[in-house]
Amino acid sequence: MWIQDYSQIAICDRTSGRANRASVVFACMLFCTALISMTASADLPTRQDVREARRFYNSAKRSLRKNDILTALVHLKDAENKHPIYKYAAALATVHLQSNQPVLAWEAANRAKKYGVPKQKERRFTELSQTIEAQLLRTHAFLALTVVPTTASVRIGKEQWLPPYKKWVPRNFSVLELEAPAYAPQTVKWHHPTGNKATRTILMEPASNYGQIEVTGSPAGASVYIDGKRLGTLPQVNSGLLKPGEYTVSVENNGFIASEQQTVVRKGVTTPITMELEPTESDLVKALKSKTMWGWTAVGVGGAALITGIGLLAHSAVLIDDVNTLNRTHITGFDDYLREYDRKAGDIPTFGAAGWSMLAVGLALGATGATLLVLEHQEKAGGAFISESSAVRPPVTVRLTPALTGARATVNF
């Protein structure tokens, strides 16, 4: 008896559990239905909107009877905004066409088609669409674009182009700019003659198929170019996505020596490059570093010193000759002789010492200048200056022989 009662209780419990679960499911269904109904009702126009739309439509008809097309367009737009149905959009397309605005007429006709064309209006709507298209084809081109990936951002000219990427344009040429995450930006030039319908499919390439170049270095502010295209300024520049291949990287800046380097871009790799510019030297600095300038300067100064020394020694010889003449021809008293002798002979040692000093300086400078010129010539000739004849030719020698009447110099090559 107890067991039987327990079984009945268990059966009742199972039955009540199923009923509770069914109640919960039913309640959830009711809630979802109510939520969907509320959402749908939120999108539907209210009775007030419908009445206002009808009032705007009637005002538009009155404006048309007065030939006030601009006001009629405003009223029809307000009517469609309040109550988006075929009637108002089709009327708006018709008035746009009358006001010679075929592109706006085409857009309004597309909205009317989206709202749903009543069966009894299909023929008239077809005629309206054909009339709009015929007028557009006189001065426009129709573009229909397909992009992969479909999430790409497309700009035509400077305007954003939204899906479904269909557009009438009053020109023969357009520039498209496409961007998408994980894809390489792309610029496409599209030639599309007016009076035609043009279709195009663009497949964007993944960014993983490209590489990059990162340029660092100094001085800050130096311009960086890749294949002649300016990218930015140092200390750091990134090239963005580049197709794999060989590129020329150059860096330029006023007051510095331009630098150029070849590099290879590989798929999926960022290639680092460091470029340091050297300051440029002025003409004066270059001249000061030139062996040629210093060589000829030394030769010139040495030549002048040699000539001066020879002149001083010649003057000393003249004084010596005057003293000898005085000794042979003097006939006055001894005191007069001493005064005359001191006057002429006193300067002989000074001019002689100065002359020999100038000769020594001239020879030293001349030899130094000649050495610098030879070194400069060897550097320019790449070290191939020494020839077969110079290998057996004796070195240059200069021999100076003093004399009472001057000096004699002998140069052997």
Protein backbone atom coordinates (compact mmCIF):
# COMPACT_ATOMS: atom_id res chain seq x y z
CA MET A 1 0.00 0.00 0.00
CA TRP A 2 2.80 2.34 0.85
CA ILE A 3 4.67 1.45 -2.32
CA GLN A 4 1.59 2.06 -4.43
CA ASP A 5 1.06 5.46 -2.83
CA TYR A 6 4.69 6.36 -3.45
CA SER A 7 4.44 5.45 -7.12
CA GLN A 8 1.40 7.63 -7.53
CA ILE A 9 3.21 10.52 -5.87
CA ALA A 10 6.21 10.05 -8.17
CA ILE A 11 3.96 10.00 -11.24
CA CYS A 12 2.26 13.20 -10.05
CA ASP A 13 5.66 14.85 -9.58
CA ARG A 14 6.81 13.93 -13.08
CA THR A 15 3.57 15.22 -14.56
CA SER A 16 3.76 18.50 -12.73
CA GLY A 17 7.46 18.93 -13.79
CA ARG A 18 6.56 18.54 -17.45
CA ALA A 19 3.75 21.04 -17.03
CA ASN A 20 6.11 23.54 -15.45
CA ARG A 21 8.66 23.17 -18.26
CA ALA A 22 5.92 23.59 -20.86
CA SER A 23 4.77 26.72 -19.08
CA VAL A 24 8.26 28.17 -19.13
CA VAL A 25 8.71 27.43 -22.84
CA PHE A 26 5.32 28.93 -23.61
CA ALA A 27 6.13 32.04 -21.60
CA CYS A 28 9.45 32.47 -23.47
CA MET A 29 7.64 32.14 -26.79
CA LEU A 30 5.13 34.78 -25.74
CA PHE A 31 7.96 37.10 -24.65
CA CYS A 32 9.90 36.69 -27.92
CA THR A 33 6.71 37.24 -29.93
CA ALA A 34 5.96 40.38 -27.98
CA LEU A 35 9.54 41.62 -28.41
CA ILE A 36 9.45 41.04 -32.17
CA SER A 37 6.10 42.76 -32.39
CA MET A 38 7.41 45.73 -30.44
CA THR A 39 10.47 45.98 -32.70
CA ALA A 40 8.39 45.74 -35.84
CA SER A 41 5.92 48.27 -34.54
CA ALA A 42 8.80 50.63 -33.75
CA ASP A 43 9.77 50.61 -37.45
CA LEU A 44 6.20 51.07 -38.69
CA PRO A 45 4.89 54.62 -39.08
CA THR A 46 2.28 55.77 -36.65
CA ARG A 47 -1.15 56.97 -37.71
CA GLN A 48 0.05 60.50 -37.11
CA ASP A 49 2.99 59.89 -39.49
CA VAL A 50 0.66 58.51 -42.14
CA ARG A 51 -1.64 61.53 -41.87
CA GLU A 52 1.28 63.96 -42.05
CA ALA A 53 2.72 62.13 -45.04
CA ARG A 54 -0.63 62.39 -46.83
CA ARG A 55 -0.77 66.09 -45.99
CA PHE A 56 2.77 66.65 -47.39
CA TYR A 57 1.81 64.74 -50.54
CA ASN A 58 -1.28 66.91 -51.10
CA SER A 59 0.82 70.04 -50.55
CA ALA A 60 3.29 68.78 -53.15
CA LYS A 61 0.47 68.34 -55.69
CA ARG A 62 -0.72 71.88 -55.07
CA SER A 63 2.85 73.17 -55.54
CA LEU A 64 3.13 71.30 -58.82
CA ARG A 65 -0.06 72.88 -60.08
CA LYS A 66 1.58 76.24 -59.36
CA ASN A 67 4.72 75.02 -61.17
CA ASP A 68 6.68 75.37 -57.91
CA ILE A 69 8.85 72.28 -58.38
CA LEU A 70 11.36 73.06 -55.62
CA THR A 71 8.65 73.26 -52.96
CA ALA A 72 7.01 70.12 -54.34
CA LEU A 73 10.32 68.24 -53.97
CA VAL A 74 10.63 69.31 -50.36
CA HIS A 75 7.08 68.16 -49.56
CA LEU A 76 7.57 64.82 -51.30
CA LYS A 77 10.80 64.15 -49.39
CA ASP A 78 9.00 64.92 -46.14
CA ALA A 79 6.16 62.59 -47.13
CA GLU A 80 8.57 59.72 -47.88
CA ASN A 81 10.43 60.29 -44.62
CA LYS A 82 7.16 60.12 -42.66
CA HIS A 83 5.74 57.16 -44.55
CA PRO A 84 8.26 55.31 -46.77
CA ILE A 85 6.06 53.68 -49.40
CA TYR A 86 6.15 53.26 -53.18
CA LYS A 87 3.65 56.07 -53.86
CA TYR A 88 5.76 58.88 -52.43
CA ALA A 89 9.15 57.59 -53.69
CA ALA A 90 7.80 57.12 -57.23
CA ALA A 91 6.28 60.60 -57.20
CA LEU A 92 9.60 62.00 -56.00
CA ALA A 93 11.44 60.20 -58.82
CA THR A 94 9.00 61.65 -61.37
CA VAL A 95 9.48 65.22 -60.12
CA HIS A 96 13.29 64.85 -60.00
CA LEU A 97 13.15 63.73 -63.62
CA GLN A 98 11.04 66.75 -64.54
CA SER A 99 13.55 69.06 -62.84
CA ASN A 100 16.42 67.53 -64.87
CA GLN A 101 17.93 65.65 -61.91
CA PRO A 102 18.18 62.12 -63.36
CA VAL A 103 20.62 60.80 -60.73
CA LEU A 104 18.30 61.74 -57.85
CA ALA A 105 15.39 60.37 -59.87
CA TRP A 106 17.23 57.05 -60.25
CA GLU A 107 17.94 56.88 -56.50
CA ALA A 108 14.28 57.61 -55.66
CA ALA A 109 13.11 54.98 -58.18
CA ASN A 110 15.40 52.41 -56.53
CA ARG A 111 13.84 53.18 -53.15
CA ALA A 112 10.36 52.84 -54.67
CA LYS A 113 11.31 49.44 -56.03
CA LYS A 114 12.66 48.45 -52.62
CA TYR A 115 9.36 49.44 -50.94
CA GLY A 116 7.51 47.19 -53.37
CA VAL A 117 5.83 48.07 -56.67
CA PRO A 118 2.08 47.43 -56.69
CA LYS A 119 1.07 45.06 -59.46
CA GLN A 120 -1.15 47.64 -61.15
CA LYS A 121 1.77 50.11 -61.17
CA GLU A 122 4.42 47.80 -62.62
CA ARG A 123 4.05 48.94 -66.25
CA ARG A 124 4.12 52.59 -65.35
CA PHE A 125 7.12 52.11 -63.06
CA THR A 126 8.98 50.25 -65.83
CA GLU A 127 8.37 53.13 -68.21
CA LEU A 128 9.59 55.61 -65.57
CA SER A 129 12.79 53.61 -64.95
CA GLN A 130 13.51 53.34 -68.69
CA THR A 131 12.99 57.07 -69.17
CA ILE A 132 15.36 57.87 -66.28
CA GLU A 133 18.02 55.50 -67.61
CA ALA A 134 17.77 56.85 -71.16
CA GLN A 135 18.27 60.41 -69.90
CA LEU A 136 21.22 59.37 -67.71
CA LEU A 137 22.98 57.58 -70.56
CA ARG A 138 23.18 60.83 -72.51
CA THR A 139 25.66 62.38 -70.11
CA HIS A 140 26.58 59.72 -67.52
CA ALA A 141 28.23 56.33 -67.16
CA PHE A 142 26.78 53.64 -64.93
CA LEU A 143 29.26 51.87 -62.66
CA ALA A 144 28.67 48.52 -60.99
CA LEU A 145 31.52 47.38 -58.74
CA THR A 146 32.24 44.10 -56.95
CA VAL A 147 34.91 44.13 -54.25
CA VAL A 148 36.58 41.24 -52.42
CA PRO A 149 36.58 41.40 -49.44
CA THR A 150 33.08 42.77 -49.18
CA THR A 151 34.00 44.67 -46.00
CA ALA A 152 36.38 46.95 -47.89
CA SER A 153 36.02 50.72 -47.66
CA VAL A 154 35.71 52.28 -51.11
CA ARG A 155 36.14 55.92 -52.03
CA ILE A 156 35.41 57.26 -55.51
CA GLY A 157 37.11 60.59 -55.93
CA LYS A 158 36.76 62.16 -52.49
CA GLU A 159 33.38 60.60 -51.66
CA GLN A 160 32.65 57.44 -49.73
CA TRP A 161 31.00 54.81 -51.92
CA LEU A 162 28.69 52.49 -50.00
CA PRO A 163 27.37 49.05 -51.04
CA PRO A 164 25.89 47.82 -53.31
CA TYR A 165 28.47 49.88 -55.26
CA LYS A 166 26.24 51.07 -58.09
CA LYS A 167 26.53 54.63 -59.24
CA TRP A 168 25.95 57.05 -62.13
CA VAL A 169 28.87 59.43 -62.75
CA PRO A 170 29.00 62.35 -65.23
CA ARG A 171 32.57 61.63 -66.46
CA ASN A 172 34.72 59.18 -68.40
CA PHE A 173 37.31 58.47 -65.69
CA SER A 174 37.28 57.74 -61.97
CA VAL A 175 39.88 56.96 -59.31
CA LEU A 176 38.95 54.39 -56.67
CA GLU A 177 40.74 54.06 -53.33
CA LEU A 178 40.18 50.81 -51.46
CA GLU A 179 41.15 49.92 -47.90
CA ALA A 180 40.46 46.87 -45.75
CA PRO A 181 42.00 45.39 -42.58
CA ALA A 182 44.76 42.84 -43.34
CA TYR A 183 44.77 43.86 -47.03
CA ALA A 184 47.06 46.13 -49.00
CA PRO A 185 45.55 49.56 -49.82
CA GLN A 186 44.83 49.86 -53.50
CA THR A 187 44.27 52.71 -55.93
CA VAL A 188 42.46 51.83 -59.16
CA LYS A 189 42.04 54.05 -62.20
CA TRP A 190 38.85 53.22 -64.05
CA HIS A 191 38.11 54.39 -67.60
CA HIS A 192 34.37 54.24 -68.34
CA PRO A 193 33.01 56.15 -71.36
CA THR A 194 29.76 58.01 -70.77
CA GLY A 195 26.68 56.49 -72.34
CA ASN A 196 27.69 52.99 -71.23
CA LYS A 197 27.26 50.63 -68.31
CA ALA A 198 30.57 49.45 -66.87
CA THR A 199 31.13 46.59 -64.46
CA ARG A 200 34.32 45.71 -62.63
CA THR A 201 35.55 43.23 -60.01
CA ILE A 202 38.48 44.14 -57.76
CA LEU A 203 40.25 41.47 -55.72
CA MET A 204 42.36 43.07 -52.99
CA GLU A 205 45.66 41.39 -52.11
CA PRO A 206 46.39 40.26 -48.53
CA ALA A 207 49.00 42.35 -46.73
CA SER A 208 51.00 39.16 -46.07
CA ASN A 209 51.98 39.13 -49.76
CA TYR A 210 53.94 42.37 -49.30
CA GLY A 211 57.04 43.52 -47.44
CA GLN A 212 58.22 46.80 -45.94
CA ILE A 213 61.35 48.94 -45.58
CA GLU A 214 62.16 50.81 -42.38
CA VAL A 215 64.79 53.55 -42.76
CA THR A 216 66.57 55.04 -39.75
CA GLY A 217 69.54 57.36 -39.48
CA SER A 218 70.61 60.98 -39.32
CA PRO A 219 70.47 63.92 -39.65
CA ALA A 220 66.91 64.45 -38.45
CA GLY A 221 64.80 66.05 -41.13
CA ALA A 222 66.62 64.49 -44.09
CA SER A 223 64.25 63.45 -46.88
CA VAL A 224 63.91 59.73 -47.64
CA TYR A 225 63.03 58.50 -51.15
CA ILE A 226 62.26 55.02 -52.41
CA ASP A 227 62.57 54.70 -56.20
CA GLY A 228 62.31 58.49 -56.43
CA LYS A 229 59.10 58.75 -54.39
CA ARG A 230 59.38 60.81 -51.20
CA LEU A 231 58.18 58.92 -48.12
CA GLY A 232 59.09 61.15 -45.17
CA THR A 233 62.02 62.36 -43.09
CA LEU A 234 64.57 60.87 -40.72
CA PRO A 235 65.16 59.78 -37.98
CA GLN A 236 62.64 57.01 -38.87
CA VAL A 237 60.52 56.32 -41.95
CA ASN A 238 58.39 53.29 -42.81
CA SER A 239 57.66 52.61 -46.46
CA GLY A 240 54.31 50.92 -45.96
CA LEU A 241 53.46 47.85 -47.99
CA LEU A 242 55.69 47.19 -51.01
CA LYS A 243 55.65 44.43 -53.56
CA PRO A 244 58.60 42.02 -53.25
CA GLY A 245 61.57 43.09 -55.38
CA GLU A 246 64.58 45.40 -55.51
CA TYR A 247 64.27 49.06 -54.52
CA THR A 248 66.58 52.08 -54.41
CA VAL A 249 66.57 53.99 -51.11
CA SER A 250 68.10 57.48 -51.15
CA VAL A 251 68.47 60.16 -48.47
CA GLU A 252 69.07 63.86 -49.17
CA ASN A 253 69.52 66.96 -47.03
CA ASN A 254 71.00 70.42 -47.59
CA GLY A 255 74.55 70.68 -46.34
CA PHE A 256 75.13 66.90 -46.47
CA ILE A 257 76.37 64.43 -49.07
CA ALA A 258 73.42 62.47 -50.52
CA SER A 259 73.47 58.71 -49.98
CA GLU A 260 71.89 55.89 -51.99
CA GLN A 261 71.47 52.20 -51.26
CA GLN A 262 69.94 49.18 -53.01
CA THR A 263 67.80 46.77 -50.99
CA VAL A 264 65.55 43.78 -51.62
CA VAL A 265 62.04 43.55 -50.18
CA ARG A 266 60.79 40.08 -49.32
CA LYS A 267 57.26 38.88 -48.70
CA GLY A 268 56.10 39.32 -45.11
CA VAL A 269 59.43 40.85 -43.96
CA THR A 270 60.32 44.37 -42.80
CA THR A 271 63.82 45.21 -44.04
CA PRO A 272 65.73 47.63 -41.74
CA ILE A 273 68.18 50.16 -43.26
CA THR A 274 70.41 52.66 -41.45
CA MET A 275 71.76 55.63 -43.42
CA GLU A 276 74.05 58.30 -41.93
CA LEU A 277 74.85 61.36 -44.08
CA GLU A 278 78.27 63.02 -44.09
CA PRO A 279 78.44 66.85 -43.98
CA THR A 280 79.57 68.46 -47.23
CA GLU A 281 82.89 70.38 -47.36
CA SER A 282 83.14 73.95 -48.60
CA ASP A 283 85.52 74.86 -51.45
CA LEU A 284 87.86 76.43 -48.92
CA VAL A 285 87.99 73.28 -46.80
CA LYS A 286 88.55 71.15 -49.90
CA ALA A 287 91.35 73.48 -51.00
CA LEU A 288 92.97 73.34 -47.55
CA LYS A 289 92.96 69.55 -47.75
CA SER A 290 94.36 69.48 -51.26
CA LYS A 291 98.02 68.47 -51.69
CA THR A 292 98.03 70.23 -55.04
CA MET A 293 97.20 73.62 -53.52
CA TRP A 294 99.82 73.26 -50.79
CA GLY A 295 102.34 71.81 -53.25
CA TRP A 296 102.13 74.70 -55.69
CA THR A 297 102.06 77.18 -52.79
CA ALA A 298 105.27 75.70 -51.40
CA VAL A 299 106.88 75.68 -54.84
CA GLY A 300 105.85 79.30 -55.41
CA VAL A 301 107.02 80.52 -52.02
CA GLY A 302 110.22 78.45 -52.34
CA GLY A 303 110.91 79.97 -55.76
CA ALA A 304 110.39 83.45 -54.38
CA ALA A 305 112.73 82.64 -51.48
CA LEU A 306 115.38 81.34 -53.91
CA ILE A 307 115.16 84.50 -56.01
CA THR A 308 115.33 86.68 -52.89
CA GLY A 309 118.31 84.72 -51.53
CA ILE A 310 120.13 85.00 -54.84
CA GLY A 311 119.43 88.74 -54.86
CA LEU A 312 120.77 89.16 -51.33
CA LEU A 313 123.90 87.19 -52.12
CA ALA A 314 124.39 89.23 -55.29
CA HIS A 315 124.11 92.44 -53.27
CA SER A 316 126.61 91.05 -50.78
CA ALA A 317 128.97 90.28 -53.65
CA VAL A 318 128.59 93.84 -54.92
CA LEU A 319 129.53 95.18 -51.49
CA ILE A 320 132.57 92.91 -51.40
CA ASP A 321 133.60 94.17 -54.81
CA ASP A 322 133.19 97.77 -53.60
CA VAL A 323 135.41 97.03 -50.59
CA ASN A 324 138.08 95.51 -52.82
CA THR A 325 137.93 98.53 -55.07
CA LEU A 326 138.27 100.81 -52.05
CA ASN A 327 141.34 98.96 -50.92
CA ARG A 328 142.97 99.38 -54.31
CA THR A 329 142.07 103.00 -55.00
CA HIS A 330 142.06 104.73 -51.57
CA ILE A 331 144.44 107.72 -51.41
CA THR A 332 143.05 109.83 -48.48
CA GLY A 333 143.90 109.60 -44.82
CA PHE A 334 143.53 106.49 -42.70
CA ASP A 335 140.48 107.80 -40.80
CA ASP A 336 138.57 108.48 -44.00
CA TYR A 337 139.47 105.00 -45.19
CA LEU A 338 138.12 103.36 -42.00
CA ARG A 339 134.83 105.25 -42.18
CA GLU A 340 134.33 104.32 -45.85
CA TYR A 341 135.37 100.71 -45.21
CA ASP A 342 132.99 100.34 -42.23
CA ARG A 343 130.12 101.77 -44.26
CA LYS A 344 130.55 99.34 -47.11
CA ALA A 345 131.86 96.25 -45.37
CA GLY A 346 129.49 96.37 -42.36
CA ASP A 347 126.47 95.09 -44.34
CA ILE A 348 128.30 92.23 -46.10
CA PRO A 349 127.77 89.61 -43.32
CA THR A 350 124.10 90.61 -42.91
CA PHE A 351 123.21 90.32 -46.62
CA GLY A 352 125.28 87.17 -46.95
CA ALA A 353 123.62 85.40 -44.00
CA ALA A 354 120.16 86.51 -45.13
CA GLY A 355 120.83 85.34 -48.68
CA TRP A 356 122.02 81.88 -47.64
CA SER A 357 119.05 81.56 -45.25
CA MET A 358 116.60 82.43 -48.00
CA LEU A 359 118.28 79.95 -50.33
CA ALA A 360 117.92 77.20 -47.72
CA VAL A 361 114.27 78.07 -47.09
CA GLY A 362 113.57 78.20 -50.82
CA LEU A 363 115.17 74.81 -51.41
CA ALA A 364 113.25 73.26 -48.52
CA LEU A 365 109.91 74.68 -49.67
CA GLY A 366 110.56 73.73 -53.27
CA ALA A 367 111.40 70.16 -52.31
CA THR A 368 108.33 69.96 -50.07
CA GLY A 369 106.05 71.35 -52.78
CA ALA A 370 107.46 68.94 -55.37
CA THR A 371 106.90 66.02 -52.99
CA LEU A 372 103.26 67.05 -52.38
CA LEU A 373 102.60 67.35 -56.10
CA VAL A 374 104.09 63.93 -56.74
CA LEU A 375 101.99 62.37 -53.96
CA GLU A 376 98.83 64.01 -55.28
CA HIS A 377 99.55 62.74 -58.78
CA GLN A 378 100.16 59.23 -57.46
CA GLU A 379 96.87 59.25 -55.58
CA LYS A 380 94.95 60.36 -58.65
CA ALA A 381 96.72 57.79 -60.82
CA GLY A 382 95.90 55.02 -58.36
CA GLY A 383 99.48 54.40 -57.38
CA ALA A 384 100.57 53.72 -60.96
CA PHE A 385 102.70 56.83 -61.25
CA ILE A 386 106.07 55.15 -61.24
CA SER A 387 107.11 54.29 -64.77
CA GLU A 388 109.95 52.28 -66.19
CA SER A 389 112.00 55.37 -67.02
CA SER A 390 111.54 56.89 -63.57
CA ALA A 391 112.79 53.71 -62.01
CA VAL A 392 116.29 54.22 -63.52
CA ARG A 393 116.31 58.03 -63.63
CA PRO A 394 118.45 59.68 -60.88
CA PRO A 395 116.70 61.81 -58.28
CA VAL A 396 116.35 65.56 -58.73
CA THR A 397 119.32 67.43 -57.21
CA VAL A 398 119.95 71.13 -56.75
CA ARG A 399 123.54 72.43 -56.37
CA LEU A 400 124.26 76.02 -55.33
CA THR A 401 127.79 77.42 -55.74
CA PRO A 402 128.66 80.78 -54.05
CA ALA A 403 130.85 83.32 -55.70
CA LEU A 404 132.15 86.77 -54.91
CA THR A 405 129.89 88.32 -57.53
CA GLY A 406 126.78 86.26 -56.70
CA ALA A 407 125.66 82.61 -56.62
CA ARG A 408 125.29 79.91 -59.24
CA ALA A 409 122.55 77.23 -59.01
CA THR A 410 122.55 73.93 -60.90
CA VAL A 411 119.50 71.66 -61.07
CA ASN A 412 119.85 68.04 -62.32
CA PHE A 413 116.69 66.11 -63.40
